[in-house]
Amino acid sequence: MTGKIRRRLIAARLDALPRREPVVCPLCGRPVPAAEQDAHHLVPRSHGGKHTAILHRICHRQIHALLTETELAKHYKTIEALLAHPEIAAFVAWVSTKPEGFYGRSRKSQRLRR
């Protein structure tokens, strides 16, 4: 009997807790698990940026693997501008088919390695 009462009390306490809406990556549209959340400065801090967007870690790393901070500050200040970049769009089309906790290595583009 004590077990049933205790379970009901715990269930009532859990129901009373505020529910958080799952964070959705604005780039790929998949839910972002807490362990995979990265804050991306839309304009890099080195260029005076303050506003951030929560992205999947893999999406965030891919942005920085393809674009320099100067390019981000000048041309890719919004999520829409990032999605218009052909390599980012191809990456998003690929990663959107993966499960929400998926993580893979990102490699710097040949252009940035030089």
PDB file of N, CA and C in Angstrom:
ATOM      1  N   MET A   1       0.816  -1.194   0.000  1.00  0.00           N
ATOM      2  CA  MET A   1       0.000   0.000   0.000  1.00  0.00           C
ATOM      3  C   MET A   1       0.860   1.259   0.000  1.00  0.00           C
ATOM      4  N   THR A   2       1.927   1.262   0.784  1.00  0.00           N
ATOM      5  CA  THR A   2       2.800   2.425   0.829  1.00  0.00           C
ATOM      6  C   THR A   2       3.411   2.696  -0.538  1.00  0.00           C
ATOM      7  N   GLY A   3       3.737   1.666  -1.267  1.00  0.00           N
ATOM      8  CA  GLY A   3       4.325   1.830  -2.590  1.00  0.00           C
ATOM      9  C   GLY A   3       3.396   2.558  -3.541  1.00  0.00           C
ATOM     10  N   LYS A   4       2.096   2.219  -3.493  1.00  0.00           N
ATOM     11  CA  LYS A   4       1.129   2.882  -4.369  1.00  0.00           C
ATOM     12  C   LYS A   4       0.988   4.359  -4.019  1.00  0.00           C
ATOM     13  N   ILE A   5       0.929   4.654  -2.750  1.00  0.00           N
ATOM     14  CA  ILE A   5       0.777   6.048  -2.310  1.00  0.00           C
ATOM     15  C   ILE A   5       2.013   6.853  -2.716  1.00  0.00           C
ATOM     16  N   ARG A   6       3.174   6.288  -2.478  1.00  0.00           N
ATOM     17  CA  ARG A   6       4.414   6.983  -2.823  1.00  0.00           C
ATOM     18  C   ARG A   6       4.483   7.251  -4.335  1.00  0.00           C
ATOM     19  N   ARG A   7       4.114   6.255  -5.144  1.00  0.00           N
ATOM     20  CA  ARG A   7       4.126   6.437  -6.597  1.00  0.00           C
ATOM     21  C   ARG A   7       3.160   7.527  -7.030  1.00  0.00           C
ATOM     22  N   ARG A   8       1.992   7.601  -6.382  1.00  0.00           N
ATOM     23  CA  ARG A   8       1.024   8.652  -6.720  1.00  0.00           C
ATOM     24  C   ARG A   8       1.550  10.028  -6.346  1.00  0.00           C
ATOM     25  N   LEU A   9       2.211  10.139  -5.199  1.00  0.00           N
ATOM     26  CA  LEU A   9       2.782  11.424  -4.787  1.00  0.00           C
ATOM     27  C   LEU A   9       3.881  11.871  -5.753  1.00  0.00           C
ATOM     28  N   ILE A  10       4.736  10.940  -6.141  1.00  0.00           N
ATOM     29  CA  ILE A  10       5.813  11.270  -7.074  1.00  0.00           C
ATOM     30  C   ILE A  10       5.230  11.681  -8.426  1.00  0.00           C
ATOM     31  N   ALA A  11       4.216  10.945  -8.885  1.00  0.00           N
ATOM     32  CA  ALA A  11       3.580  11.284 -10.157  1.00  0.00           C
ATOM     33  C   ALA A  11       2.932  12.667 -10.083  1.00  0.00           C
ATOM     34  N   ALA A  12       2.319  13.000  -8.967  1.00  0.00           N
ATOM     35  CA  ALA A  12       1.685  14.308  -8.806  1.00  0.00           C
ATOM     36  C   ALA A  12       2.739  15.416  -8.813  1.00  0.00           C
ATOM     37  N   ARG A  13       3.878  15.176  -8.174  1.00  0.00           N
ATOM     38  CA  ARG A  13       4.956  16.177  -8.177  1.00  0.00           C
ATOM     39  C   ARG A  13       5.519  16.366  -9.584  1.00  0.00           C
ATOM     40  N   LEU A  14       5.686  15.280 -10.308  1.00  0.00           N
ATOM     41  CA  LEU A  14       6.208  15.386 -11.678  1.00  0.00           C
ATOM     42  C   LEU A  14       5.235  16.123 -12.583  1.00  0.00           C
ATOM     43  N   ASP A  15       3.948  15.893 -12.392  1.00  0.00           N
ATOM     44  CA  ASP A  15       2.944  16.585 -13.195  1.00  0.00           C
ATOM     45  C   ASP A  15       2.913  18.079 -12.889  1.00  0.00           C
ATOM     46  N   ALA A  16       3.286  18.458 -11.658  1.00  0.00           N
ATOM     47  CA  ALA A  16       3.265  19.862 -11.258  1.00  0.00           C
ATOM     48  C   ALA A  16       4.469  20.634 -11.801  1.00  0.00           C
ATOM     49  N   LEU A  17       5.516  19.938 -12.208  1.00  0.00           N
ATOM     50  CA  LEU A  17       6.695  20.614 -12.745  1.00  0.00           C
ATOM     51  C   LEU A  17       6.363  21.266 -14.088  1.00  0.00           C
ATOM     52  N   PRO A  18       6.934  22.446 -14.325  1.00  0.00           N
ATOM     53  CA  PRO A  18       6.675  23.084 -15.625  1.00  0.00           C
ATOM     54  C   PRO A  18       7.313  22.277 -16.754  1.00  0.00           C
ATOM     55  N   ARG A  19       6.593  22.149 -17.835  1.00  0.00           N
ATOM     56  CA  ARG A  19       7.086  21.404 -19.000  1.00  0.00           C
ATOM     57  C   ARG A  19       7.843  22.363 -19.918  1.00  0.00           C
ATOM     58  N   ARG A  20       9.006  21.936 -20.362  1.00  0.00           N
ATOM     59  CA  ARG A  20       9.770  22.741 -21.306  1.00  0.00           C
ATOM     60  C   ARG A  20       9.508  22.227 -22.711  1.00  0.00           C
ATOM     61  N   GLU A  21       9.326  23.169 -23.616  1.00  0.00           N
ATOM     62  CA  GLU A  21       9.181  22.802 -25.018  1.00  0.00           C
ATOM     63  C   GLU A  21      10.542  22.330 -25.521  1.00  0.00           C
ATOM     64  N   PRO A  22      10.588  21.295 -26.326  1.00  0.00           N
ATOM     65  CA  PRO A  22      11.885  20.860 -26.844  1.00  0.00           C
ATOM     66  C   PRO A  22      12.477  21.937 -27.757  1.00  0.00           C
ATOM     67  N   VAL A  23      13.786  22.105 -27.650  1.00  0.00           N
ATOM     68  CA  VAL A  23      14.487  23.067 -28.501  1.00  0.00           C
ATOM     69  C   VAL A  23      14.634  22.444 -29.885  1.00  0.00           C
ATOM     70  N   VAL A  24      14.294  23.201 -30.909  1.00  0.00           N
ATOM     71  CA  VAL A  24      14.394  22.726 -32.287  1.00  0.00           C
ATOM     72  C   VAL A  24      15.498  23.520 -32.983  1.00  0.00           C
ATOM     73  N   CYS A  25      16.377  22.811 -33.649  1.00  0.00           N
ATOM     74  CA  CYS A  25      17.473  23.446 -34.390  1.00  0.00           C
ATOM     75  C   CYS A  25      16.886  24.242 -35.556  1.00  0.00           C
ATOM     76  N   PRO A  26      17.140  25.549 -35.622  1.00  0.00           N
ATOM     77  CA  PRO A  26      16.583  26.335 -36.723  1.00  0.00           C
ATOM     78  C   PRO A  26      17.214  26.006 -38.077  1.00  0.00           C
ATOM     79  N   LEU A  27      18.355  25.340 -38.061  1.00  0.00           N
ATOM     80  CA  LEU A  27      19.026  25.009 -39.314  1.00  0.00           C
ATOM     81  C   LEU A  27      18.432  23.740 -39.931  1.00  0.00           C
ATOM     82  N   CYS A  28      18.402  22.648 -39.157  1.00  0.00           N
ATOM     83  CA  CYS A  28      17.949  21.369 -39.730  1.00  0.00           C
ATOM     84  C   CYS A  28      16.517  21.000 -39.335  1.00  0.00           C
ATOM     85  N   GLY A  29      15.946  21.691 -38.350  1.00  0.00           N
ATOM     86  CA  GLY A  29      14.560  21.446 -37.973  1.00  0.00           C
ATOM     87  C   GLY A  29      14.338  20.241 -37.076  1.00  0.00           C
ATOM     88  N   ARG A  30      15.412  19.628 -36.579  1.00  0.00           N
ATOM     89  CA  ARG A  30      15.277  18.459 -35.695  1.00  0.00           C
ATOM     90  C   ARG A  30      15.336  18.900 -34.239  1.00  0.00           C
ATOM     91  N   PRO A  31      14.682  18.177 -33.304  1.00  0.00           N
ATOM     92  CA  PRO A  31      14.816  18.500 -31.883  1.00  0.00           C
ATOM     93  C   PRO A  31      16.268  18.331 -31.436  1.00  0.00           C
ATOM     94  N   VAL A  32      16.710  19.211 -30.544  1.00  0.00           N
ATOM     95  CA  VAL A  32      18.096  19.193 -30.079  1.00  0.00           C
ATOM     96  C   VAL A  32      18.147  18.656 -28.656  1.00  0.00           C
ATOM     97  N   PRO A  33      18.763  17.481 -28.426  1.00  0.00           N
ATOM     98  CA  PRO A  33      18.922  16.989 -27.060  1.00  0.00           C
ATOM     99  C   PRO A  33      19.804  17.946 -26.256  1.00  0.00           C
ATOM    100  N   ALA A  34      19.606  17.998 -24.966  1.00  0.00           N
ATOM    101  CA  ALA A  34      20.355  18.923 -24.109  1.00  0.00           C
ATOM    102  C   ALA A  34      21.857  18.732 -24.246  1.00  0.00           C
ATOM    103  N   ALA A  35      22.312  17.509 -24.422  1.00  0.00           N
ATOM    104  CA  ALA A  35      23.747  17.236 -24.522  1.00  0.00           C
ATOM    105  C   ALA A  35      24.340  17.693 -25.845  1.00  0.00           C
ATOM    106  N   GLU A  36      23.510  17.961 -26.845  1.00  0.00           N
ATOM    107  CA  GLU A  36      23.999  18.338 -28.180  1.00  0.00           C
ATOM    108  C   GLU A  36      23.753  19.814 -28.508  1.00  0.00           C
ATOM    109  N   GLN A  37      23.367  20.634 -27.523  1.00  0.00           N
ATOM    110  CA  GLN A  37      23.047  22.036 -27.785  1.00  0.00           C
ATOM    111  C   GLN A  37      24.308  22.893 -27.806  1.00  0.00           C
ATOM    112  N   ASP A  38      24.453  23.687 -28.849  1.00  0.00           N
ATOM    113  CA  ASP A  38      25.534  24.665 -28.979  1.00  0.00           C
ATOM    114  C   ASP A  38      24.905  26.011 -29.293  1.00  0.00           C
ATOM    115  N   ALA A  39      25.433  27.065 -28.667  1.00  0.00           N
ATOM    116  CA  ALA A  39      24.965  28.421 -28.959  1.00  0.00           C
ATOM    117  C   ALA A  39      25.846  29.001 -30.057  1.00  0.00           C
ATOM    118  N   HIS A  40      25.232  29.364 -31.167  1.00  0.00           N
ATOM    119  CA  HIS A  40      25.956  29.936 -32.301  1.00  0.00           C
ATOM    120  C   HIS A  40      25.693  31.430 -32.351  1.00  0.00           C
ATOM    121  N   HIS A  41      26.758  32.240 -32.307  1.00  0.00           N
ATOM    122  CA  HIS A  41      26.616  33.679 -32.481  1.00  0.00           C
ATOM    123  C   HIS A  41      26.385  33.945 -33.963  1.00  0.00           C
ATOM    124  N   LEU A  42      25.237  34.506 -34.285  1.00  0.00           N
ATOM    125  CA  LEU A  42      24.915  34.764 -35.688  1.00  0.00           C
ATOM    126  C   LEU A  42      25.935  35.704 -36.310  1.00  0.00           C
ATOM    127  N   VAL A  43      26.351  36.713 -35.578  1.00  0.00           N
ATOM    128  CA  VAL A  43      27.503  37.536 -35.942  1.00  0.00           C
ATOM    129  C   VAL A  43      28.571  37.167 -34.915  1.00  0.00           C
ATOM    130  N   PRO A  44      29.753  36.741 -35.336  1.00  0.00           N
ATOM    131  CA  PRO A  44      30.770  36.310 -34.376  1.00  0.00           C
ATOM    132  C   PRO A  44      31.076  37.388 -33.326  1.00  0.00           C
ATOM    133  N   ARG A  45      31.402  36.939 -32.122  1.00  0.00           N
ATOM    134  CA  ARG A  45      31.719  37.880 -31.045  1.00  0.00           C
ATOM    135  C   ARG A  45      32.889  38.771 -31.418  1.00  0.00           C
ATOM    136  N   SER A  46      33.840  38.248 -32.173  1.00  0.00           N
ATOM    137  CA  SER A  46      34.999  39.047 -32.581  1.00  0.00           C
ATOM    138  C   SER A  46      34.603  40.200 -33.499  1.00  0.00           C
ATOM    139  N   HIS A  47      33.395  40.137 -34.050  1.00  0.00           N
ATOM    140  CA  HIS A  47      32.882  41.195 -34.915  1.00  0.00           C
ATOM    141  C   HIS A  47      31.730  41.941 -34.240  1.00  0.00           C
ATOM    142  N   GLY A  48      31.624  41.819 -32.920  1.00  0.00           N
ATOM    143  CA  GLY A  48      30.619  42.566 -32.162  1.00  0.00           C
ATOM    144  C   GLY A  48      29.275  41.891 -32.014  1.00  0.00           C
ATOM    145  N   GLY A  49      29.181  40.615 -32.335  1.00  0.00           N
ATOM    146  CA  GLY A  49      27.900  39.911 -32.246  1.00  0.00           C
ATOM    147  C   GLY A  49      27.505  39.578 -30.827  1.00  0.00           C
ATOM    148  N   LYS A  50      26.201  39.640 -30.562  1.00  0.00           N
ATOM    149  CA  LYS A  50      25.679  39.325 -29.229  1.00  0.00           C
ATOM    150  C   LYS A  50      24.578  38.274 -29.270  1.00  0.00           C
ATOM    151  N   HIS A  51      23.827  38.218 -30.359  1.00  0.00           N
ATOM    152  CA  HIS A  51      22.672  37.328 -30.444  1.00  0.00           C
ATOM    153  C   HIS A  51      23.108  35.916 -30.835  1.00  0.00           C
ATOM    154  N   THR A  52      22.472  34.933 -30.182  1.00  0.00           N
ATOM    155  CA  THR A  52      22.810  33.539 -30.452  1.00  0.00           C
ATOM    156  C   THR A  52      21.572  32.751 -30.868  1.00  0.00           C
ATOM    157  N   ALA A  53      21.819  31.621 -31.477  1.00  0.00           N
ATOM    158  CA  ALA A  53      20.775  30.651 -31.810  1.00  0.00           C
ATOM    159  C   ALA A  53      21.274  29.297 -31.329  1.00  0.00           C
ATOM    160  N   ILE A  54      20.377  28.499 -30.758  1.00  0.00           N
ATOM    161  CA  ILE A  54      20.743  27.155 -30.290  1.00  0.00           C
ATOM    162  C   ILE A  54      20.673  26.207 -31.488  1.00  0.00           C
ATOM    163  N   LEU A  55      21.791  25.548 -31.764  1.00  0.00           N
ATOM    164  CA  LEU A  55      21.898  24.608 -32.879  1.00  0.00           C
ATOM    165  C   LEU A  55      22.390  23.265 -32.370  1.00  0.00           C
ATOM    166  N   HIS A  56      22.200  22.227 -33.197  1.00  0.00           N
ATOM    167  CA  HIS A  56      22.865  20.951 -32.930  1.00  0.00           C
ATOM    168  C   HIS A  56      24.367  21.185 -32.991  1.00  0.00           C
ATOM    169  N   ARG A  57      25.098  20.457 -32.216  1.00  0.00           N
ATOM    170  CA  ARG A  57      26.556  20.586 -32.240  1.00  0.00           C
ATOM    171  C   ARG A  57      27.108  20.315 -33.647  1.00  0.00           C
ATOM    172  N   ILE A  58      26.578  19.295 -34.327  1.00  0.00           N
ATOM    173  CA  ILE A  58      27.076  18.960 -35.656  1.00  0.00           C
ATOM    174  C   ILE A  58      26.774  20.081 -36.659  1.00  0.00           C
ATOM    175  N   CYS A  59      25.621  20.714 -36.551  1.00  0.00           N
ATOM    176  CA  CYS A  59      25.271  21.823 -37.451  1.00  0.00           C
ATOM    177  C   CYS A  59      26.187  23.016 -37.188  1.00  0.00           C
ATOM    178  N   HIS A  60      26.434  23.311 -35.912  1.00  0.00           N
ATOM    179  CA  HIS A  60      27.291  24.426 -35.538  1.00  0.00           C
ATOM    180  C   HIS A  60      28.717  24.212 -36.045  1.00  0.00           C
ATOM    181  N   ARG A  61      29.229  23.019 -35.863  1.00  0.00           N
ATOM    182  CA  ARG A  61      30.597  22.736 -36.318  1.00  0.00           C
ATOM    183  C   ARG A  61      30.710  22.804 -37.837  1.00  0.00           C
ATOM    184  N   GLN A  62      29.670  22.380 -38.522  1.00  0.00           N
ATOM    185  CA  GLN A  62      29.708  22.414 -39.986  1.00  0.00           C
ATOM    186  C   GLN A  62      29.737  23.852 -40.504  1.00  0.00           C
ATOM    187  N   ILE A  63      29.011  24.744 -39.853  1.00  0.00           N
ATOM    188  CA  ILE A  63      29.031  26.156 -40.247  1.00  0.00           C
ATOM    189  C   ILE A  63      30.457  26.686 -40.175  1.00  0.00           C
ATOM    190  N   HIS A  64      31.125  26.419 -39.048  1.00  0.00           N
ATOM    191  CA  HIS A  64      32.480  26.934 -38.861  1.00  0.00           C
ATOM    192  C   HIS A  64      33.516  26.179 -39.691  1.00  0.00           C
ATOM    193  N   ALA A  65      33.183  24.981 -40.147  1.00  0.00           N
ATOM    194  CA  ALA A  65      34.092  24.249 -41.022  1.00  0.00           C
ATOM    195  C   ALA A  65      34.036  24.792 -42.451  1.00  0.00           C
ATOM    196  N   LEU A  66      32.921  25.426 -42.808  1.00  0.00           N
ATOM    197  CA  LEU A  66      32.749  25.908 -44.179  1.00  0.00           C
ATOM    198  C   LEU A  66      32.978  27.411 -44.348  1.00  0.00           C
ATOM    199  N   LEU A  67      32.734  28.190 -43.296  1.00  0.00           N
ATOM    200  CA  LEU A  67      32.764  29.642 -43.429  1.00  0.00           C
ATOM    201  C   LEU A  67      33.699  30.288 -42.409  1.00  0.00           C
ATOM    202  N   THR A  68      34.346  31.369 -42.822  1.00  0.00           N
ATOM    203  CA  THR A  68      35.199  32.115 -41.897  1.00  0.00           C
ATOM    204  C   THR A  68      34.334  33.058 -41.069  1.00  0.00           C
ATOM    205  N   GLU A  69      34.921  33.605 -39.999  1.00  0.00           N
ATOM    206  CA  GLU A  69      34.181  34.554 -39.169  1.00  0.00           C
ATOM    207  C   GLU A  69      33.842  35.822 -39.943  1.00  0.00           C
ATOM    208  N   THR A  70      34.736  36.250 -40.814  1.00  0.00           N
ATOM    209  CA  THR A  70      34.473  37.440 -41.626  1.00  0.00           C
ATOM    210  C   THR A  70      33.303  37.199 -42.575  1.00  0.00           C
ATOM    211  N   GLU A  71      33.261  36.021 -43.197  1.00  0.00           N
ATOM    212  CA  GLU A  71      32.135  35.693 -44.092  1.00  0.00           C
ATOM    213  C   GLU A  71      30.831  35.636 -43.311  1.00  0.00           C
ATOM    214  N   LEU A  72      30.883  35.066 -42.116  1.00  0.00           N
ATOM    215  CA  LEU A  72      29.680  35.007 -41.288  1.00  0.00           C
ATOM    216  C   LEU A  72      29.200  36.414 -40.937  1.00  0.00           C
ATOM    217  N   ALA A  73      30.128  37.291 -40.570  1.00  0.00           N
ATOM    218  CA  ALA A  73      29.760  38.648 -40.172  1.00  0.00           C
ATOM    219  C   ALA A  73      29.216  39.460 -41.339  1.00  0.00           C
ATOM    220  N   LYS A  74      29.783  39.285 -42.535  1.00  0.00           N
ATOM    221  CA  LYS A  74      29.375  40.103 -43.684  1.00  0.00           C
ATOM    222  C   LYS A  74      28.163  39.573 -44.432  1.00  0.00           C
ATOM    223  N   HIS A  75      28.118  38.245 -44.653  1.00  0.00           N
ATOM    224  CA  HIS A  75      27.111  37.709 -45.567  1.00  0.00           C
ATOM    225  C   HIS A  75      26.106  36.733 -44.944  1.00  0.00           C
ATOM    226  N   TYR A  76      26.425  36.137 -43.829  1.00  0.00           N
ATOM    227  CA  TYR A  76      25.582  35.057 -43.290  1.00  0.00           C
ATOM    228  C   TYR A  76      25.157  35.353 -41.849  1.00  0.00           C
ATOM    229  N   LYS A  77      24.500  36.501 -41.659  1.00  0.00           N
ATOM    230  CA  LYS A  77      24.100  36.960 -40.328  1.00  0.00           C
ATOM    231  C   LYS A  77      22.801  36.344 -39.839  1.00  0.00           C
ATOM    232  N   THR A  78      22.078  35.667 -40.721  1.00  0.00           N
ATOM    233  CA  THR A  78      20.785  35.088 -40.347  1.00  0.00           C
ATOM    234  C   THR A  78      20.764  33.605 -40.715  1.00  0.00           C
ATOM    235  N   ILE A  79      19.807  32.906 -40.130  1.00  0.00           N
ATOM    236  CA  ILE A  79      19.624  31.489 -40.444  1.00  0.00           C
ATOM    237  C   ILE A  79      19.230  31.342 -41.917  1.00  0.00           C
ATOM    238  N   GLU A  80      18.393  32.238 -42.419  1.00  0.00           N
ATOM    239  CA  GLU A  80      17.963  32.179 -43.817  1.00  0.00           C
ATOM    240  C   GLU A  80      19.155  32.335 -44.765  1.00  0.00           C
ATOM    241  N   ALA A  81      20.073  33.241 -44.427  1.00  0.00           N
ATOM    242  CA  ALA A  81      21.260  33.440 -45.260  1.00  0.00           C
ATOM    243  C   ALA A  81      22.149  32.198 -45.220  1.00  0.00           C
ATOM    244  N   LEU A  82      22.273  31.574 -44.052  1.00  0.00           N
ATOM    245  CA  LEU A  82      23.057  30.337 -43.943  1.00  0.00           C
ATOM    246  C   LEU A  82      22.443  29.240 -44.808  1.00  0.00           C
ATOM    247  N   LEU A  83      21.122  29.118 -44.765  1.00  0.00           N
ATOM    248  CA  LEU A  83      20.449  28.083 -45.549  1.00  0.00           C
ATOM    249  C   LEU A  83      20.557  28.330 -47.048  1.00  0.00           C
ATOM    250  N   ALA A  84      20.807  29.575 -47.449  1.00  0.00           N
ATOM    251  CA  ALA A  84      20.964  29.890 -48.867  1.00  0.00           C
ATOM    252  C   ALA A  84      22.339  29.479 -49.398  1.00  0.00           C
ATOM    253  N   HIS A  85      23.303  29.267 -48.500  1.00  0.00           N
ATOM    254  CA  HIS A  85      24.641  28.839 -48.924  1.00  0.00           C
ATOM    255  C   HIS A  85      24.528  27.409 -49.457  1.00  0.00           C
ATOM    256  N   PRO A  86      25.044  27.117 -50.669  1.00  0.00           N
ATOM    257  CA  PRO A  86      24.830  25.794 -51.275  1.00  0.00           C
ATOM    258  C   PRO A  86      25.408  24.628 -50.468  1.00  0.00           C
ATOM    259  N   GLU A  87      26.577  24.804 -49.883  1.00  0.00           N
ATOM    260  CA  GLU A  87      27.174  23.699 -49.116  1.00  0.00           C
ATOM    261  C   GLU A  87      26.439  23.467 -47.803  1.00  0.00           C
ATOM    262  N   ILE A  88      25.984  24.541 -47.163  1.00  0.00           N
ATOM    263  CA  ILE A  88      25.191  24.404 -45.935  1.00  0.00           C
ATOM    264  C   ILE A  88      23.861  23.739 -46.275  1.00  0.00           C
ATOM    265  N   ALA A  89      23.231  24.140 -47.373  1.00  0.00           N
ATOM    266  CA  ALA A  89      21.947  23.545 -47.780  1.00  0.00           C
ATOM    267  C   ALA A  89      22.102  22.053 -48.044  1.00  0.00           C
ATOM    268  N   ALA A  90      23.189  21.654 -48.696  1.00  0.00           N
ATOM    269  CA  ALA A  90      23.421  20.229 -48.949  1.00  0.00           C
ATOM    270  C   ALA A  90      23.637  19.473 -47.649  1.00  0.00           C
ATOM    271  N   PHE A  91      24.368  20.076 -46.713  1.00  0.00           N
ATOM    272  CA  PHE A  91      24.589  19.450 -45.414  1.00  0.00           C
ATOM    273  C   PHE A  91      23.269  19.289 -44.660  1.00  0.00           C
ATOM    274  N   VAL A  92      22.451  20.331 -44.659  1.00  0.00           N
ATOM    275  CA  VAL A  92      21.167  20.289 -43.953  1.00  0.00           C
ATOM    276  C   VAL A  92      20.260  19.219 -44.556  1.00  0.00           C
ATOM    277  N   ALA A  93      20.243  19.100 -45.865  1.00  0.00           N
ATOM    278  CA  ALA A  93      19.430  18.059 -46.512  1.00  0.00           C
ATOM    279  C   ALA A  93      19.900  16.676 -46.081  1.00  0.00           C
ATOM    280  N   TRP A  94      21.197  16.494 -45.919  1.00  0.00           N
ATOM    281  CA  TRP A  94      21.739  15.200 -45.497  1.00  0.00           C
ATOM    282  C   TRP A  94      21.464  14.942 -44.026  1.00  0.00           C
ATOM    283  N   VAL A  95      21.762  15.912 -43.160  1.00  0.00           N
ATOM    284  CA  VAL A  95      21.666  15.685 -41.718  1.00  0.00           C
ATOM    285  C   VAL A  95      20.211  15.627 -41.238  1.00  0.00           C
ATOM    286  N   SER A  96      19.301  16.216 -41.969  1.00  0.00           N
ATOM    287  CA  SER A  96      17.897  16.196 -41.536  1.00  0.00           C
ATOM    288  C   SER A  96      17.305  14.788 -41.578  1.00  0.00           C
ATOM    289  N   THR A  97      17.969  13.857 -42.254  1.00  0.00           N
ATOM    290  CA  THR A  97      17.493  12.470 -42.288  1.00  0.00           C
ATOM    291  C   THR A  97      18.046  11.646 -41.129  1.00  0.00           C
ATOM    292  N   LYS A  98      18.946  12.225 -40.341  1.00  0.00           N
ATOM    293  CA  LYS A  98      19.594  11.512 -39.232  1.00  0.00           C
ATOM    294  C   LYS A  98      18.776  11.668 -37.951  1.00  0.00           C
ATOM    295  N   PRO A  99      18.949  10.746 -36.978  1.00  0.00           N
ATOM    296  CA  PRO A  99      18.251  10.898 -35.690  1.00  0.00           C
ATOM    297  C   PRO A  99      18.774  12.120 -34.936  1.00  0.00           C
ATOM    298  N   GLU A 100      17.974  12.604 -33.981  1.00  0.00           N
ATOM    299  CA  GLU A 100      18.311  13.858 -33.301  1.00  0.00           C
ATOM    300  C   GLU A 100      19.624  13.818 -32.531  1.00  0.00           C
ATOM    301  N   GLY A 101      20.064  12.687 -32.041  1.00  0.00           N
ATOM    302  CA  GLY A 101      21.306  12.597 -31.285  1.00  0.00           C
ATOM    303  C   GLY A 101      22.523  12.279 -32.136  1.00  0.00           C
ATOM    304  N   PHE A 102      22.363  12.238 -33.450  1.00  0.00           N
ATOM    305  CA  PHE A 102      23.457  11.870 -34.352  1.00  0.00           C
ATOM    306  C   PHE A 102      24.574  12.902 -34.289  1.00  0.00           C
ATOM    307  N   TYR A 103      25.815  12.416 -34.274  1.00  0.00           N
ATOM    308  CA  TYR A 103      26.967  13.308 -34.323  1.00  0.00           C
ATOM    309  C   TYR A 103      28.051  12.665 -35.163  1.00  0.00           C
ATOM    310  N   GLY A 104      28.605  13.416 -36.066  1.00  0.00           N
ATOM    311  CA  GLY A 104      29.699  12.943 -36.911  1.00  0.00           C
ATOM    312  C   GLY A 104      30.774  14.010 -36.982  1.00  0.00           C
ATOM    313  N   ARG A 105      31.934  13.634 -37.460  1.00  0.00           N
ATOM    314  CA  ARG A 105      33.043  14.576 -37.562  1.00  0.00           C
ATOM    315  C   ARG A 105      32.801  15.600 -38.664  1.00  0.00           C
ATOM    316  N   SER A 106      33.213  16.821 -38.403  1.00  0.00           N
ATOM    317  CA  SER A 106      33.175  17.870 -39.414  1.00  0.00           C
ATOM    318  C   SER A 106      34.609  18.169 -39.816  1.00  0.00           C
ATOM    319  N   ARG A 107      34.823  18.303 -41.099  1.00  0.00           N
ATOM    320  CA  ARG A 107      36.172  18.596 -41.593  1.00  0.00           C
ATOM    321  C   ARG A 107      36.176  19.991 -42.209  1.00  0.00           C
ATOM    322  N   LYS A 108      37.253  20.721 -41.952  1.00  0.00           N
ATOM    323  CA  LYS A 108      37.402  22.056 -42.556  1.00  0.00           C
ATOM    324  C   LYS A 108      37.434  21.902 -44.073  1.00  0.00           C
ATOM    325  N   SER A 109      36.836  22.842 -44.758  1.00  0.00           N
ATOM    326  CA  SER A 109      36.851  22.793 -46.211  1.00  0.00           C
ATOM    327  C   SER A 109      38.266  23.047 -46.719  1.00  0.00           C
ATOM    328  N   GLN A 110      38.555  22.592 -47.923  1.00  0.00           N
ATOM    329  CA  GLN A 110      39.869  22.794 -48.534  1.00  0.00           C
ATOM    330  C   GLN A 110      40.205  24.286 -48.600  1.00  0.00           C
ATOM    331  N   ARG A 111      39.200  25.083 -48.869  1.00  0.00           N
ATOM    332  CA  ARG A 111      39.398  26.527 -48.990  1.00  0.00           C
ATOM    333  C   ARG A 111      39.900  27.145 -47.679  1.00  0.00           C
ATOM    334  N   LEU A 112      39.390  26.676 -46.534  1.00  0.00           N
ATOM    335  CA  LEU A 112      39.795  27.229 -45.244  1.00  0.00           C
ATOM    336  C   LEU A 112      41.125  26.654 -44.764  1.00  0.00           C
ATOM    337  N   ARG A 113      41.492  25.487 -45.232  1.00  0.00           N
ATOM    338  CA  ARG A 113      42.745  24.866 -44.792  1.00  0.00           C
ATOM    339  C   ARG A 113      43.967  25.535 -45.377  1.00  0.00           C
ATOM    340  N   ARG A 114      43.829  26.231 -46.474  1.00  0.00           N
ATOM    341  CA  ARG A 114      44.981  26.861 -47.136  1.00  0.00           C
ATOM    342  C   ARG A 114      45.479  28.046 -46.427  1.00  0.00           C
TER     343      ARG A 114
END
